[in-house]
Protein backbone atom coordinates (compact mmCIF):
# COMPACT_ATOMS: atom_id res chain seq x y z
CA MET A 1 -14.41 8.08 -34.04
CA LYS A 2 -11.63 5.45 -33.93
CA TYR A 3 -10.05 7.22 -30.94
CA PHE A 4 -13.12 6.53 -28.80
CA ALA A 5 -12.55 2.78 -29.22
CA LEU A 6 -9.11 3.22 -27.62
CA LEU A 7 -10.42 5.18 -24.64
CA PRO A 8 -11.47 2.15 -22.53
CA VAL A 9 -8.09 0.51 -23.16
CA LEU A 10 -6.19 3.65 -22.18
CA LEU A 11 -8.30 4.10 -19.06
CA LEU A 12 -7.69 0.49 -18.04
CA MET A 13 -3.93 0.90 -18.53
CA ALA A 14 -3.88 4.01 -16.34
CA ALA A 15 -6.20 2.59 -13.70
CA GLY A 16 -3.64 0.79 -11.56
CA PRO A 17 -2.61 -2.82 -11.23
CA ALA A 18 -1.81 -4.89 -14.27
CA ALA A 19 -4.01 -7.94 -14.63
CA GLY A 20 -3.99 -10.89 -16.96
CA GLY A 21 -6.54 -13.62 -16.28
CA ASP A 22 -5.85 -14.94 -12.80
CA ILE A 23 -2.63 -12.94 -12.31
CA GLU A 24 -2.53 -9.41 -10.93
CA ILE A 25 0.54 -7.19 -10.46
CA VAL A 26 0.00 -4.66 -7.67
CA ASP A 27 2.15 -1.59 -6.92
CA PRO A 28 5.11 -2.33 -9.21
CA TRP A 29 8.09 0.00 -8.89
CA VAL A 30 11.76 0.23 -9.78
CA ARG A 31 14.42 1.74 -7.53
CA ALA A 32 16.08 4.93 -8.79
CA VAL A 33 19.87 4.60 -8.78
CA PRO A 34 22.88 6.90 -9.32
CA PRO A 35 23.96 7.51 -12.95
CA ALA A 36 26.96 5.15 -12.79
CA SER A 37 25.04 2.24 -11.29
CA PRO A 38 25.18 -1.01 -13.29
CA ALA A 39 22.00 -2.45 -11.75
CA THR A 40 18.72 -1.73 -10.02
CA ALA A 41 15.84 -3.73 -8.58
CA ALA A 42 12.12 -4.08 -9.25
CA PHE A 43 9.49 -4.69 -6.60
CA MET A 44 5.77 -5.53 -6.67
CA VAL A 45 3.11 -7.85 -5.32
CA ILE A 46 2.17 -10.78 -7.55
CA VAL A 47 -1.37 -11.97 -6.82
CA ASN A 48 -2.59 -15.35 -8.01
CA LYS A 49 -6.40 -15.10 -8.06
CA GLY A 50 -6.72 -18.51 -9.71
CA ALA A 51 -7.33 -22.05 -8.49
CA LYS A 52 -3.97 -23.35 -9.81
CA PRO A 53 -0.43 -22.42 -8.76
CA ILE A 54 1.58 -20.17 -11.07
CA THR A 55 5.32 -19.68 -11.42
CA LEU A 56 7.15 -16.52 -12.43
CA VAL A 57 9.79 -17.96 -14.78
CA ALA A 58 11.27 -14.89 -16.52
CA ALA A 59 11.39 -11.10 -16.54
CA THR A 60 12.62 -8.62 -19.15
CA SER A 61 12.93 -4.88 -19.52
CA PRO A 62 14.23 -2.72 -22.38
CA ILE A 63 16.46 -0.77 -19.95
CA SER A 64 18.48 -3.85 -19.05
CA ARG A 65 20.74 -6.18 -21.02
CA GLU A 66 20.35 -8.88 -18.38
CA VAL A 67 17.46 -9.42 -16.03
CA LYS A 68 18.11 -11.98 -13.37
CA PRO A 69 14.55 -13.07 -13.18
CA MET A 70 14.46 -13.58 -9.46
CA ILE A 71 16.71 -13.01 -6.50
CA THR A 72 16.07 -14.03 -2.92
CA THR A 73 17.76 -12.26 -0.04
CA LYS A 74 18.97 -14.77 2.55
CA THR A 75 20.35 -14.44 6.06
CA ALA A 76 23.13 -16.89 6.91
CA ASP A 77 25.35 -16.56 9.95
CA GLY A 78 23.87 -13.11 10.54
CA LEU A 79 24.93 -11.85 7.09
CA MET A 80 22.65 -10.68 4.32
CA GLY A 81 23.27 -11.95 0.82
CA MET A 82 21.49 -12.60 -2.44
CA GLU A 83 20.93 -15.84 -4.25
CA PHE A 84 19.73 -16.20 -7.82
CA VAL A 85 16.81 -18.56 -8.18
CA GLU A 86 15.20 -19.94 -11.33
CA SER A 87 11.63 -18.95 -10.49
CA PHE A 88 9.16 -17.69 -7.92
CA PRO A 89 6.15 -19.94 -7.31
CA VAL A 90 2.86 -18.35 -6.25
CA ALA A 91 0.32 -20.73 -4.71
CA ALA A 92 -3.31 -20.68 -5.82
CA GLY A 93 -5.22 -17.86 -4.15
CA LYS A 94 -2.04 -16.42 -2.62
CA LYS A 95 0.37 -13.56 -3.27
CA ARG A 96 4.14 -13.21 -3.51
CA ILE A 97 5.58 -9.97 -2.18
CA LEU A 98 8.73 -8.65 -3.86
CA GLU A 99 10.13 -5.91 -1.64
CA PRO A 100 13.40 -4.28 -0.57
CA GLY A 101 15.42 -6.54 1.73
CA ALA A 102 13.60 -9.65 0.53
CA ASP A 103 12.59 -11.26 -2.78
CA HIS A 104 13.01 -8.95 -5.78
CA ILE A 105 13.92 -8.85 -9.47
CA MET A 106 17.35 -7.54 -10.50
CA LEU A 107 17.80 -5.49 -13.67
CA MET A 108 21.51 -5.72 -14.49
CA LYS A 109 23.87 -4.35 -17.13
CA LEU A 110 21.64 -1.30 -17.52
CA LYS A 111 21.35 0.26 -20.97
CA GLU A 112 19.89 3.35 -19.32
CA VAL A 113 19.69 4.35 -15.69
CA PRO A 114 16.11 4.79 -14.46
CA LYS A 115 15.39 8.23 -13.02
CA ALA A 116 12.86 9.01 -10.30
CA GLY A 117 9.58 10.24 -11.75
CA THR A 118 9.84 8.14 -14.93
CA SER A 119 8.49 4.64 -15.62
CA VAL A 120 10.13 1.42 -16.76
CA ARG A 121 8.43 -1.14 -19.00
CA MET A 122 8.68 -4.69 -17.68
CA THR A 123 7.42 -7.99 -19.01
CA LEU A 124 6.95 -10.97 -16.73
CA THR A 125 6.48 -14.53 -17.97
CA PHE A 126 4.36 -16.90 -15.90
CA GLU A 127 3.82 -20.62 -16.31
CA SER A 128 0.87 -22.67 -15.10
CA GLY A 129 -0.19 -26.12 -16.20
CA GLY A 130 2.34 -26.16 -19.03
CA LYS A 131 1.06 -22.89 -20.49
CA ARG A 132 3.00 -19.62 -20.52
CA GLU A 133 1.53 -16.15 -20.23
CA GLU A 134 3.35 -12.83 -20.60
CA MET A 135 2.25 -9.69 -18.82
CA SER A 136 3.69 -6.25 -19.62
CA PHE A 137 3.27 -3.12 -17.52
CA LEU A 138 4.91 0.16 -16.57
CA ALA A 139 6.64 0.36 -13.18
CA PRO A 140 7.18 3.86 -11.77
CA VAL A 141 10.73 4.70 -10.72
CA ARG A 142 11.10 6.01 -7.18
């Protein structure tokens, strides 16, 4: 009988995007890398369905000793490079796309190398109006 109470929770977890209040994480994924790689990247769409701006202020994952919460890819003098930033703001009613060749989250000093076909647990911390909210989800590795 107690297992039936868990069924709606399990179905919600398997149903797709992670959601927490006004924040939705759509299509999260982590890049598969060679076995000797010290780092990988995570990508997703962060949707702010609320009336107030939110800010992604931190990210963690058990596969990484150091998660550089946010990295922005810049073009300067025709060269591509990456710059660490403290946070990613997401305006009210808008989305922030984290994708290859643009904004993304770096998972560095890997404890284990993610393999295609598996999933990586990630936790993002958002701040809005002085309040913090954590959101955990599984990101498929591809």
